[in-house]
Amino acid sequence: MSATPMHPARRRGFAGRVAERLDRGWPWRLVRWMALGDAQQTWYLTRLLKLLEVDLVVDVGANTGQFAGLLRRRVGYRGALISVEPIPEAAAALRRAASGDHNWAVVEAALVAQPGPARLHVTRSNELSSLLTPSNDATDSLARHHQVERSITVDGQTLDTLLATHELARDRRSIYLKLDVQGAELDVLRGAAASLPRIAALQAEFSVIPLYLGVPAYHEQMQAIEALGFQLSFLPAHNYTQFPDMIDFDGHFVSRQVLRERGYLLPTTDSGTPRPSNSTEPS
């Protein structure tokens, strides 16, 4: 019987344990309070993308490149990046930002469960635009920003098709998927059945106070992602400017299979219970 991979925390040598203690002993960071979530996400992504040897990031709902800018300027990720954005003006801004970066491509489309034309509601604050119909039934705190200015028909593609055909994506094996599509996150994943084994980790935005008709509750979205084989890994700080409301939040997940392969989770039996570890403690 082959030995079960030992958890990386148990494999750290003397130098690694010393570095960990020094880091814990000096945990201070000078961070603007309202930007705490961004600082935490930067810290997390810097480590995770290296740990998982991510070779492609797909930014779905890229808007004008806010997440791409965080990756390039703060996280230090220089690998392949595909930004997917259906709003023509936002996609044009992305193309300008990506010009000169041969590892960054822009796809002007919406990712959907089934390919075909899709109807997009473009709101006054275009980062709130959605394939779902905006609603102020639960709260009117964002009513001014949430107002639909026009509805347009956009190209609807599946993530499976994108990853199978795009030149930056075809040979990638450790993909990080970022989803910020205003309530349509599960539809993107429904169009990604064949691609799930290549997705090492993902992050998604979860709705607490619904801003769109038919948006699933956050716990339903999280359960659906877990059912696809992902485990919750990180919850950055909430956007405190919404106090005391919590409109939405980001959750980060890692593939359970990837975690098992790297020793962070024990292999499971057919019943789902962990198999006993055959590994020994390091000397």
C-alpha atoms as a PDB file:
ATOM      1  CA  MET A   1       0.000   0.000   0.000  1.00  0.00           C
ATOM      2  CA  SER A   2       1.398   3.392  -0.977  1.00  0.00           C
ATOM      3  CA  ALA A   3       1.971   5.951   1.732  1.00  0.00           C
ATOM      4  CA  THR A   4      -0.500   8.809   2.094  1.00  0.00           C
ATOM      5  CA  PRO A   5       1.076  12.206   1.350  1.00  0.00           C
ATOM      6  CA  MET A   6       1.954  14.002   4.555  1.00  0.00           C
ATOM      7  CA  HIS A   7       0.342  17.378   5.218  1.00  0.00           C
ATOM      8  CA  PRO A   8       2.804  20.135   4.142  1.00  0.00           C
ATOM      9  CA  ALA A   9       2.665  21.707   7.612  1.00  0.00           C
ATOM     10  CA  ARG A  10       4.204  18.498   8.993  1.00  0.00           C
ATOM     11  CA  ARG A  11       6.888  18.399   6.296  1.00  0.00           C
ATOM     12  CA  ARG A  12       8.390  21.817   7.035  1.00  0.00           C
ATOM     13  CA  GLY A  13      12.049  21.727   7.893  1.00  0.00           C
ATOM     14  CA  PHE A  14      13.793  23.740  10.602  1.00  0.00           C
ATOM     15  CA  ALA A  15      14.172  26.847   8.405  1.00  0.00           C
ATOM     16  CA  GLY A  16      10.493  26.757   7.441  1.00  0.00           C
ATOM     17  CA  ARG A  17       9.380  26.479  11.061  1.00  0.00           C
ATOM     18  CA  VAL A  18      11.608  29.388  12.069  1.00  0.00           C
ATOM     19  CA  ALA A  19      10.262  31.554   9.239  1.00  0.00           C
ATOM     20  CA  GLU A  20       6.696  30.718  10.247  1.00  0.00           C
ATOM     21  CA  ARG A  21       7.340  31.700  13.872  1.00  0.00           C
ATOM     22  CA  LEU A  22       8.962  34.964  12.827  1.00  0.00           C
ATOM     23  CA  ASP A  23       5.990  35.779  10.629  1.00  0.00           C
ATOM     24  CA  ARG A  24       3.571  35.038  13.474  1.00  0.00           C
ATOM     25  CA  GLY A  25       5.660  37.099  15.834  1.00  0.00           C
ATOM     26  CA  TRP A  26       5.514  40.133  13.543  1.00  0.00           C
ATOM     27  CA  PRO A  27       1.917  40.082  12.250  1.00  0.00           C
ATOM     28  CA  TRP A  28       1.520  43.829  11.832  1.00  0.00           C
ATOM     29  CA  ARG A  29       0.557  45.434   8.539  1.00  0.00           C
ATOM     30  CA  LEU A  30      -0.237  49.106   7.945  1.00  0.00           C
ATOM     31  CA  VAL A  31      -3.538  48.879   6.079  1.00  0.00           C
ATOM     32  CA  ARG A  32      -6.333  51.390   5.554  1.00  0.00           C
ATOM     33  CA  TRP A  33      -9.321  49.865   7.350  1.00  0.00           C
ATOM     34  CA  MET A  34     -11.729  50.168   4.410  1.00  0.00           C
ATOM     35  CA  ALA A  35      -9.134  48.437   2.188  1.00  0.00           C
ATOM     36  CA  LEU A  36      -8.586  45.513   4.560  1.00  0.00           C
ATOM     37  CA  GLY A  37     -10.328  43.022   2.280  1.00  0.00           C
ATOM     38  CA  ASP A  38      -8.145  44.001  -0.696  1.00  0.00           C
ATOM     39  CA  ALA A  39      -4.998  43.637   1.409  1.00  0.00           C
ATOM     40  CA  GLN A  40      -6.073  40.215   2.645  1.00  0.00           C
ATOM     41  CA  GLN A  41      -6.963  39.059  -0.869  1.00  0.00           C
ATOM     42  CA  THR A  42      -3.585  40.234  -2.174  1.00  0.00           C
ATOM     43  CA  TRP A  43      -1.825  38.287   0.591  1.00  0.00           C
ATOM     44  CA  TYR A  44      -3.886  35.168  -0.151  1.00  0.00           C
ATOM     45  CA  LEU A  45      -3.588  35.227  -3.948  1.00  0.00           C
ATOM     46  CA  THR A  46       0.163  35.902  -3.875  1.00  0.00           C
ATOM     47  CA  ARG A  47       0.630  32.650  -1.964  1.00  0.00           C
ATOM     48  CA  LEU A  48      -2.098  30.555  -3.557  1.00  0.00           C
ATOM     49  CA  LEU A  49      -1.184  31.143  -7.212  1.00  0.00           C
ATOM     50  CA  LYS A  50       2.404  30.113  -6.471  1.00  0.00           C
ATOM     51  CA  LEU A  51       1.383  27.126  -4.343  1.00  0.00           C
ATOM     52  CA  LEU A  52      -0.940  25.748  -7.031  1.00  0.00           C
ATOM     53  CA  GLU A  53       1.435  26.696  -9.872  1.00  0.00           C
ATOM     54  CA  VAL A  54      -1.434  28.445 -11.616  1.00  0.00           C
ATOM     55  CA  ASP A  55      -0.758  28.815 -15.343  1.00  0.00           C
ATOM     56  CA  LEU A  56      -3.927  30.689 -16.329  1.00  0.00           C
ATOM     57  CA  VAL A  57      -6.310  33.115 -14.618  1.00  0.00           C
ATOM     58  CA  VAL A  58      -9.747  33.592 -16.163  1.00  0.00           C
ATOM     59  CA  ASP A  59     -11.379  36.808 -14.953  1.00  0.00           C
ATOM     60  CA  VAL A  60     -15.104  36.501 -15.682  1.00  0.00           C
ATOM     61  CA  GLY A  61     -16.928  39.784 -15.282  1.00  0.00           C
ATOM     62  CA  ALA A  62     -13.700  41.728 -15.642  1.00  0.00           C
ATOM     63  CA  ASN A  63     -15.374  45.154 -16.030  1.00  0.00           C
ATOM     64  CA  THR A  64     -12.514  47.597 -16.784  1.00  0.00           C
ATOM     65  CA  GLY A  65      -9.719  45.481 -15.308  1.00  0.00           C
ATOM     66  CA  GLN A  66      -9.804  46.089 -11.567  1.00  0.00           C
ATOM     67  CA  PHE A  67      -8.951  42.459 -10.728  1.00  0.00           C
ATOM     68  CA  ALA A  68      -6.397  42.238 -13.533  1.00  0.00           C
ATOM     69  CA  GLY A  69      -4.675  45.322 -12.132  1.00  0.00           C
ATOM     70  CA  LEU A  70      -4.543  43.738  -8.686  1.00  0.00           C
ATOM     71  CA  LEU A  71      -2.977  40.593 -10.171  1.00  0.00           C
ATOM     72  CA  ARG A  72      -0.378  42.404 -12.255  1.00  0.00           C
ATOM     73  CA  ARG A  73       0.584  45.241  -9.891  1.00  0.00           C
ATOM     74  CA  ARG A  74       0.073  43.865  -6.376  1.00  0.00           C
ATOM     75  CA  VAL A  75       0.031  40.067  -6.549  1.00  0.00           C
ATOM     76  CA  GLY A  76       2.871  39.954  -9.070  1.00  0.00           C
ATOM     77  CA  TYR A  77       1.224  37.378 -11.327  1.00  0.00           C
ATOM     78  CA  ARG A  78       2.700  37.625 -14.849  1.00  0.00           C
ATOM     79  CA  GLY A  79       1.235  34.461 -16.353  1.00  0.00           C
ATOM     80  CA  ALA A  80      -1.590  33.965 -18.825  1.00  0.00           C
ATOM     81  CA  LEU A  81      -4.712  36.023 -18.151  1.00  0.00           C
ATOM     82  CA  ILE A  82      -8.038  36.065 -19.998  1.00  0.00           C
ATOM     83  CA  SER A  83     -10.466  38.860 -19.130  1.00  0.00           C
ATOM     84  CA  VAL A  84     -14.088  38.169 -20.102  1.00  0.00           C
ATOM     85  CA  GLU A  85     -16.419  41.180 -20.277  1.00  0.00           C
ATOM     86  CA  PRO A  86     -19.669  41.652 -22.264  1.00  0.00           C
ATOM     87  CA  ILE A  87     -20.161  45.449 -21.997  1.00  0.00           C
ATOM     88  CA  PRO A  88     -18.636  46.933 -25.178  1.00  0.00           C
ATOM     89  CA  GLU A  89     -17.242  50.075 -23.517  1.00  0.00           C
ATOM     90  CA  ALA A  90     -15.720  48.113 -20.652  1.00  0.00           C
ATOM     91  CA  ALA A  91     -14.238  45.561 -23.045  1.00  0.00           C
ATOM     92  CA  ALA A  92     -12.680  48.400 -25.059  1.00  0.00           C
ATOM     93  CA  ALA A  93     -11.097  49.779 -21.871  1.00  0.00           C
ATOM     94  CA  LEU A  94      -9.745  46.298 -21.125  1.00  0.00           C
ATOM     95  CA  ARG A  95      -8.198  46.022 -24.573  1.00  0.00           C
ATOM     96  CA  ARG A  96      -6.425  49.336 -24.046  1.00  0.00           C
ATOM     97  CA  ALA A  97      -5.132  48.170 -20.655  1.00  0.00           C
ATOM     98  CA  ALA A  98      -3.975  44.828 -22.104  1.00  0.00           C
ATOM     99  CA  SER A  99      -2.202  46.314 -25.122  1.00  0.00           C
ATOM    100  CA  GLY A 100       1.463  45.399 -25.072  1.00  0.00           C
ATOM    101  CA  ASP A 101       0.927  42.474 -22.687  1.00  0.00           C
ATOM    102  CA  HIS A 102       1.196  39.320 -24.824  1.00  0.00           C
ATOM    103  CA  ASN A 103       0.023  37.190 -21.887  1.00  0.00           C
ATOM    104  CA  TRP A 104      -3.270  39.058 -21.459  1.00  0.00           C
ATOM    105  CA  ALA A 105      -6.251  38.530 -23.768  1.00  0.00           C
ATOM    106  CA  VAL A 106      -9.715  40.096 -23.730  1.00  0.00           C
ATOM    107  CA  VAL A 107     -12.876  38.228 -24.743  1.00  0.00           C
ATOM    108  CA  GLU A 108     -15.959  40.392 -25.301  1.00  0.00           C
ATOM    109  CA  ALA A 109     -18.717  38.003 -24.253  1.00  0.00           C
ATOM    110  CA  ALA A 110     -20.846  36.776 -21.385  1.00  0.00           C
ATOM    111  CA  LEU A 111     -20.216  33.280 -20.050  1.00  0.00           C
ATOM    112  CA  VAL A 112     -23.454  31.307 -19.818  1.00  0.00           C
ATOM    113  CA  ALA A 113     -24.785  27.789 -19.274  1.00  0.00           C
ATOM    114  CA  GLN A 114     -25.764  27.311 -22.939  1.00  0.00           C
ATOM    115  CA  PRO A 115     -24.173  29.137 -25.904  1.00  0.00           C
ATOM    116  CA  GLY A 116     -26.165  31.741 -27.776  1.00  0.00           C
ATOM    117  CA  PRO A 117     -27.182  35.398 -27.655  1.00  0.00           C
ATOM    118  CA  ALA A 118     -27.774  36.732 -24.139  1.00  0.00           C
ATOM    119  CA  ARG A 119     -29.623  39.803 -22.875  1.00  0.00           C
ATOM    120  CA  LEU A 120     -27.531  42.010 -20.608  1.00  0.00           C
ATOM    121  CA  HIS A 121     -29.009  44.764 -18.432  1.00  0.00           C
ATOM    122  CA  VAL A 122     -26.469  47.604 -18.297  1.00  0.00           C
ATOM    123  CA  THR A 123     -26.844  49.674 -15.138  1.00  0.00           C
ATOM    124  CA  ARG A 124     -25.866  53.237 -14.303  1.00  0.00           C
ATOM    125  CA  SER A 125     -22.850  51.902 -12.401  1.00  0.00           C
ATOM    126  CA  ASN A 126     -21.862  49.390 -15.042  1.00  0.00           C
ATOM    127  CA  GLU A 127     -20.070  47.049 -12.620  1.00  0.00           C
ATOM    128  CA  LEU A 128     -23.578  46.115 -11.370  1.00  0.00           C
ATOM    129  CA  SER A 129     -24.768  45.083 -14.859  1.00  0.00           C
ATOM    130  CA  SER A 130     -26.206  41.583 -15.040  1.00  0.00           C
ATOM    131  CA  LEU A 131     -27.915  38.970 -17.169  1.00  0.00           C
ATOM    132  CA  LEU A 132     -30.455  38.841 -14.336  1.00  0.00           C
ATOM    133  CA  THR A 133     -33.048  41.591 -13.926  1.00  0.00           C
ATOM    134  CA  PRO A 134     -32.036  44.134 -11.271  1.00  0.00           C
ATOM    135  CA  SER A 135     -34.450  44.517  -8.365  1.00  0.00           C
ATOM    136  CA  ASN A 136     -34.762  46.928  -5.439  1.00  0.00           C
ATOM    137  CA  ASP A 137     -37.313  44.772  -3.612  1.00  0.00           C
ATOM    138  CA  ALA A 138     -34.898  43.796  -0.823  1.00  0.00           C
ATOM    139  CA  THR A 139     -33.034  47.116  -0.461  1.00  0.00           C
ATOM    140  CA  ASP A 140     -32.960  50.492  -2.138  1.00  0.00           C
ATOM    141  CA  SER A 141     -29.493  51.401  -0.848  1.00  0.00           C
ATOM    142  CA  LEU A 142     -28.017  51.008  -4.337  1.00  0.00           C
ATOM    143  CA  ALA A 143     -31.083  52.080  -6.298  1.00  0.00           C
ATOM    144  CA  ARG A 144     -29.337  55.019  -7.994  1.00  0.00           C
ATOM    145  CA  HIS A 145     -26.382  52.873  -9.100  1.00  0.00           C
ATOM    146  CA  HIS A 146     -28.620  49.923  -9.928  1.00  0.00           C
ATOM    147  CA  GLN A 147     -30.839  51.718 -12.410  1.00  0.00           C
ATOM    148  CA  VAL A 148     -30.966  50.022 -15.826  1.00  0.00           C
ATOM    149  CA  GLU A 149     -29.890  52.453 -18.531  1.00  0.00           C
ATOM    150  CA  ARG A 150     -30.172  50.052 -21.454  1.00  0.00           C
ATOM    151  CA  SER A 151     -30.471  46.367 -22.286  1.00  0.00           C
ATOM    152  CA  ILE A 152     -28.282  44.933 -25.025  1.00  0.00           C
ATOM    153  CA  THR A 153     -27.790  41.599 -26.755  1.00  0.00           C
ATOM    154  CA  VAL A 154     -24.318  40.142 -26.232  1.00  0.00           C
ATOM    155  CA  ASP A 155     -22.438  37.054 -27.331  1.00  0.00           C
ATOM    156  CA  GLY A 156     -22.997  34.154 -24.918  1.00  0.00           C
ATOM    157  CA  GLN A 157     -20.257  31.528 -24.679  1.00  0.00           C
ATOM    158  CA  THR A 158     -19.607  28.655 -22.308  1.00  0.00           C
ATOM    159  CA  LEU A 159     -16.448  28.384 -20.261  1.00  0.00           C
ATOM    160  CA  ASP A 160     -15.917  24.927 -21.757  1.00  0.00           C
ATOM    161  CA  THR A 161     -15.777  26.394 -25.266  1.00  0.00           C
ATOM    162  CA  LEU A 162     -13.532  29.260 -24.220  1.00  0.00           C
ATOM    163  CA  LEU A 163     -10.993  26.981 -22.519  1.00  0.00           C
ATOM    164  CA  ALA A 164     -11.056  24.479 -25.385  1.00  0.00           C
ATOM    165  CA  THR A 165     -10.531  27.017 -28.167  1.00  0.00           C
ATOM    166  CA  HIS A 166      -8.677  30.077 -26.912  1.00  0.00           C
ATOM    167  CA  GLU A 167      -4.965  30.027 -27.736  1.00  0.00           C
ATOM    168  CA  LEU A 168      -4.009  31.166 -24.221  1.00  0.00           C
ATOM    169  CA  ALA A 169      -6.121  28.434 -22.604  1.00  0.00           C
ATOM    170  CA  ARG A 170      -5.855  25.200 -24.574  1.00  0.00           C
ATOM    171  CA  ASP A 171      -2.845  23.621 -22.854  1.00  0.00           C
ATOM    172  CA  ARG A 172      -3.334  25.030 -19.337  1.00  0.00           C
ATOM    173  CA  ARG A 173      -3.718  22.554 -16.506  1.00  0.00           C
ATOM    174  CA  SER A 174      -3.912  24.667 -13.324  1.00  0.00           C
ATOM    175  CA  ILE A 175      -6.528  27.385 -13.824  1.00  0.00           C
ATOM    176  CA  TYR A 176      -7.703  30.026 -11.376  1.00  0.00           C
ATOM    177  CA  LEU A 177     -11.278  31.158 -12.068  1.00  0.00           C
ATOM    178  CA  LYS A 178     -12.592  34.499 -10.798  1.00  0.00           C
ATOM    179  CA  LEU A 179     -16.369  34.987 -11.029  1.00  0.00           C
ATOM    180  CA  ASP A 180     -18.051  38.357 -10.546  1.00  0.00           C
ATOM    181  CA  VAL A 181     -21.142  38.214 -12.724  1.00  0.00           C
ATOM    182  CA  GLN A 182     -23.810  39.675 -10.469  1.00  0.00           C
ATOM    183  CA  GLY A 183     -25.841  36.602  -9.566  1.00  0.00           C
ATOM    184  CA  ALA A 184     -25.085  34.418 -12.606  1.00  0.00           C
ATOM    185  CA  GLU A 185     -22.052  32.610 -11.149  1.00  0.00           C
ATOM    186  CA  LEU A 186     -23.708  29.190 -11.114  1.00  0.00           C
ATOM    187  CA  ASP A 187     -24.718  29.544 -14.772  1.00  0.00           C
ATOM    188  CA  VAL A 188     -21.044  30.047 -15.662  1.00  0.00           C
ATOM    189  CA  LEU A 189     -20.189  26.829 -13.816  1.00  0.00           C
ATOM    190  CA  ARG A 190     -23.033  24.953 -15.508  1.00  0.00           C
ATOM    191  CA  GLY A 191     -21.277  25.694 -18.772  1.00  0.00           C
ATOM    192  CA  ALA A 192     -17.961  24.380 -17.443  1.00  0.00           C
ATOM    193  CA  ALA A 193     -18.621  20.676 -16.771  1.00  0.00           C
ATOM    194  CA  ALA A 194     -15.774  19.445 -18.986  1.00  0.00           C
ATOM    195  CA  SER A 195     -13.341  22.049 -17.630  1.00  0.00           C
ATOM    196  CA  LEU A 196     -13.749  21.460 -13.896  1.00  0.00           C
ATOM    197  CA  PRO A 197     -10.757  19.058 -13.595  1.00  0.00           C
ATOM    198  CA  ARG A 198      -8.507  21.851 -14.917  1.00  0.00           C
ATOM    199  CA  ILE A 199      -9.770  24.448 -12.424  1.00  0.00           C
ATOM    200  CA  ALA A 200      -7.477  24.342  -9.401  1.00  0.00           C
ATOM    201  CA  ALA A 201      -9.227  27.123  -7.512  1.00  0.00           C
ATOM    202  CA  LEU A 202     -11.935  29.726  -7.894  1.00  0.00           C
ATOM    203  CA  GLN A 203     -13.406  32.760  -6.250  1.00  0.00           C
ATOM    204  CA  ALA A 204     -16.999  33.943  -6.530  1.00  0.00           C
ATOM    205  CA  GLU A 205     -19.193  36.749  -5.281  1.00  0.00           C
ATOM    206  CA  PHE A 206     -22.103  35.657  -3.072  1.00  0.00           C
ATOM    207  CA  SER A 207     -25.324  37.582  -2.575  1.00  0.00           C
ATOM    208  CA  VAL A 208     -26.629  38.159   0.967  1.00  0.00           C
ATOM    209  CA  ILE A 209     -29.179  40.875   0.148  1.00  0.00           C
ATOM    210  CA  PRO A 210     -30.514  40.059  -3.347  1.00  0.00           C
ATOM    211  CA  LEU A 211     -30.081  42.787  -5.950  1.00  0.00           C
ATOM    212  CA  TYR A 212     -31.468  40.727  -8.853  1.00  0.00           C
ATOM    213  CA  LEU A 213     -34.559  38.645  -9.511  1.00  0.00           C
ATOM    214  CA  GLY A 214     -33.871  34.926  -9.197  1.00  0.00           C
ATOM    215  CA  VAL A 215     -30.407  35.233  -7.651  1.00  0.00           C
ATOM    216  CA  PRO A 216     -29.636  32.197  -5.450  1.00  0.00           C
ATOM    217  CA  ALA A 217     -28.981  32.729  -1.749  1.00  0.00           C
ATOM    218  CA  TYR A 218     -25.317  32.714  -0.754  1.00  0.00           C
ATOM    219  CA  HIS A 219     -25.576  29.388   1.099  1.00  0.00           C
ATOM    220  CA  GLU A 220     -27.155  27.746  -1.953  1.00  0.00           C
ATOM    221  CA  GLN A 221     -24.362  29.049  -4.181  1.00  0.00           C
ATOM    222  CA  MET A 222     -21.684  27.857  -1.765  1.00  0.00           C
ATOM    223  CA  GLN A 223     -23.263  24.415  -1.437  1.00  0.00           C
ATOM    224  CA  ALA A 224     -23.440  24.106  -5.232  1.00  0.00           C
ATOM    225  CA  ILE A 225     -19.736  24.955  -5.584  1.00  0.00           C
ATOM    226  CA  GLU A 226     -18.813  22.489  -2.849  1.00  0.00           C
ATOM    227  CA  ALA A 227     -20.859  19.823  -4.635  1.00  0.00           C
ATOM    228  CA  LEU A 228     -18.674  20.369  -7.713  1.00  0.00           C
ATOM    229  CA  GLY A 229     -15.609  19.272  -5.733  1.00  0.00           C
ATOM    230  CA  PHE A 230     -14.294  22.506  -4.212  1.00  0.00           C
ATOM    231  CA  GLN A 231     -13.544  23.316  -0.582  1.00  0.00           C
ATOM    232  CA  LEU A 232     -13.861  26.725   1.043  1.00  0.00           C
ATOM    233  CA  SER A 233     -10.387  28.145   1.597  1.00  0.00           C
ATOM    234  CA  PHE A 234     -10.653  31.852   2.417  1.00  0.00           C
ATOM    235  CA  LEU A 235     -13.133  34.631   3.241  1.00  0.00           C
ATOM    236  CA  PRO A 236     -11.599  38.120   3.062  1.00  0.00           C
ATOM    237  CA  ALA A 237     -12.960  41.014   5.091  1.00  0.00           C
ATOM    238  CA  HIS A 238     -16.321  42.493   4.196  1.00  0.00           C
ATOM    239  CA  ASN A 239     -16.727  45.886   2.494  1.00  0.00           C
ATOM    240  CA  TYR A 240     -17.344  47.978   5.606  1.00  0.00           C
ATOM    241  CA  THR A 241     -18.640  50.960   3.612  1.00  0.00           C
ATOM    242  CA  GLN A 242     -21.969  49.089   3.494  1.00  0.00           C
ATOM    243  CA  PHE A 243     -22.307  48.978   7.308  1.00  0.00           C
ATOM    244  CA  PRO A 244     -24.506  47.617   8.792  1.00  0.00           C
ATOM    245  CA  ASP A 245     -25.693  45.906   5.609  1.00  0.00           C
ATOM    246  CA  MET A 246     -23.831  43.064   4.005  1.00  0.00           C
ATOM    247  CA  ILE A 247     -24.874  43.141   0.369  1.00  0.00           C
ATOM    248  CA  ASP A 248     -22.424  40.491  -0.818  1.00  0.00           C
ATOM    249  CA  PHE A 249     -19.031  38.953  -0.128  1.00  0.00           C
ATOM    250  CA  ASP A 250     -16.280  37.017  -1.888  1.00  0.00           C
ATOM    251  CA  GLY A 251     -15.459  33.406  -1.151  1.00  0.00           C
ATOM    252  CA  HIS A 252     -12.361  31.510  -2.302  1.00  0.00           C
ATOM    253  CA  PHE A 253     -12.395  27.766  -2.980  1.00  0.00           C
ATOM    254  CA  VAL A 254      -9.737  25.189  -3.869  1.00  0.00           C
ATOM    255  CA  SER A 255     -10.281  21.890  -5.668  1.00  0.00           C
ATOM    256  CA  ARG A 256     -10.431  19.022  -3.173  1.00  0.00           C
ATOM    257  CA  GLN A 257      -8.585  16.804  -5.641  1.00  0.00           C
ATOM    258  CA  VAL A 258      -5.730  19.303  -5.829  1.00  0.00           C
ATOM    259  CA  LEU A 259      -5.643  19.517  -2.030  1.00  0.00           C
ATOM    260  CA  ARG A 260      -5.468  15.704  -1.799  1.00  0.00           C
ATOM    261  CA  GLU A 261      -2.687  15.492  -4.360  1.00  0.00           C
ATOM    262  CA  ARG A 262      -0.647  18.000  -2.369  1.00  0.00           C
ATOM    263  CA  GLY A 263      -1.284  16.376   0.992  1.00  0.00           C
ATOM    264  CA  TYR A 264      -3.598  19.021   2.443  1.00  0.00           C
ATOM    265  CA  LEU A 265      -6.503  16.570   2.585  1.00  0.00           C
ATOM    266  CA  LEU A 266      -6.428  12.862   3.230  1.00  0.00           C
ATOM    267  CA  PRO A 267      -7.707  10.543   0.504  1.00  0.00           C
ATOM    268  CA  THR A 268     -11.275   9.398   1.161  1.00  0.00           C
ATOM    269  CA  THR A 269     -12.959   6.026   1.019  1.00  0.00           C
ATOM    270  CA  ASP A 270     -16.034   5.368  -1.081  1.00  0.00           C
ATOM    271  CA  SER A 271     -18.156   6.387   1.923  1.00  0.00           C
ATOM    272  CA  GLY A 272     -16.418   9.771   2.087  1.00  0.00           C
ATOM    273  CA  THR A 273     -14.548   9.140   5.338  1.00  0.00           C
ATOM    274  CA  PRO A 274     -10.780   9.799   5.435  1.00  0.00           C
ATOM    275  CA  ARG A 275      -8.470   6.824   5.010  1.00  0.00           C
ATOM    276  CA  PRO A 276      -5.942   6.314   7.819  1.00  0.00           C
ATOM    277  CA  SER A 277      -2.619   7.987   7.120  1.00  0.00           C
ATOM    278  CA  ASN A 278       0.390   5.705   6.490  1.00  0.00           C
ATOM    279  CA  SER A 279       2.833   8.597   6.778  1.00  0.00           C
ATOM    280  CA  THR A 280       5.233   9.053   9.646  1.00  0.00           C
ATOM    281  CA  GLU A 281       6.243  12.188  11.495  1.00  0.00           C
ATOM    282  CA  PRO A 282       9.380  13.884  10.155  1.00  0.00           C
ATOM    283  CA  SER A 283      12.478  13.468  12.245  1.00  0.00           C
END
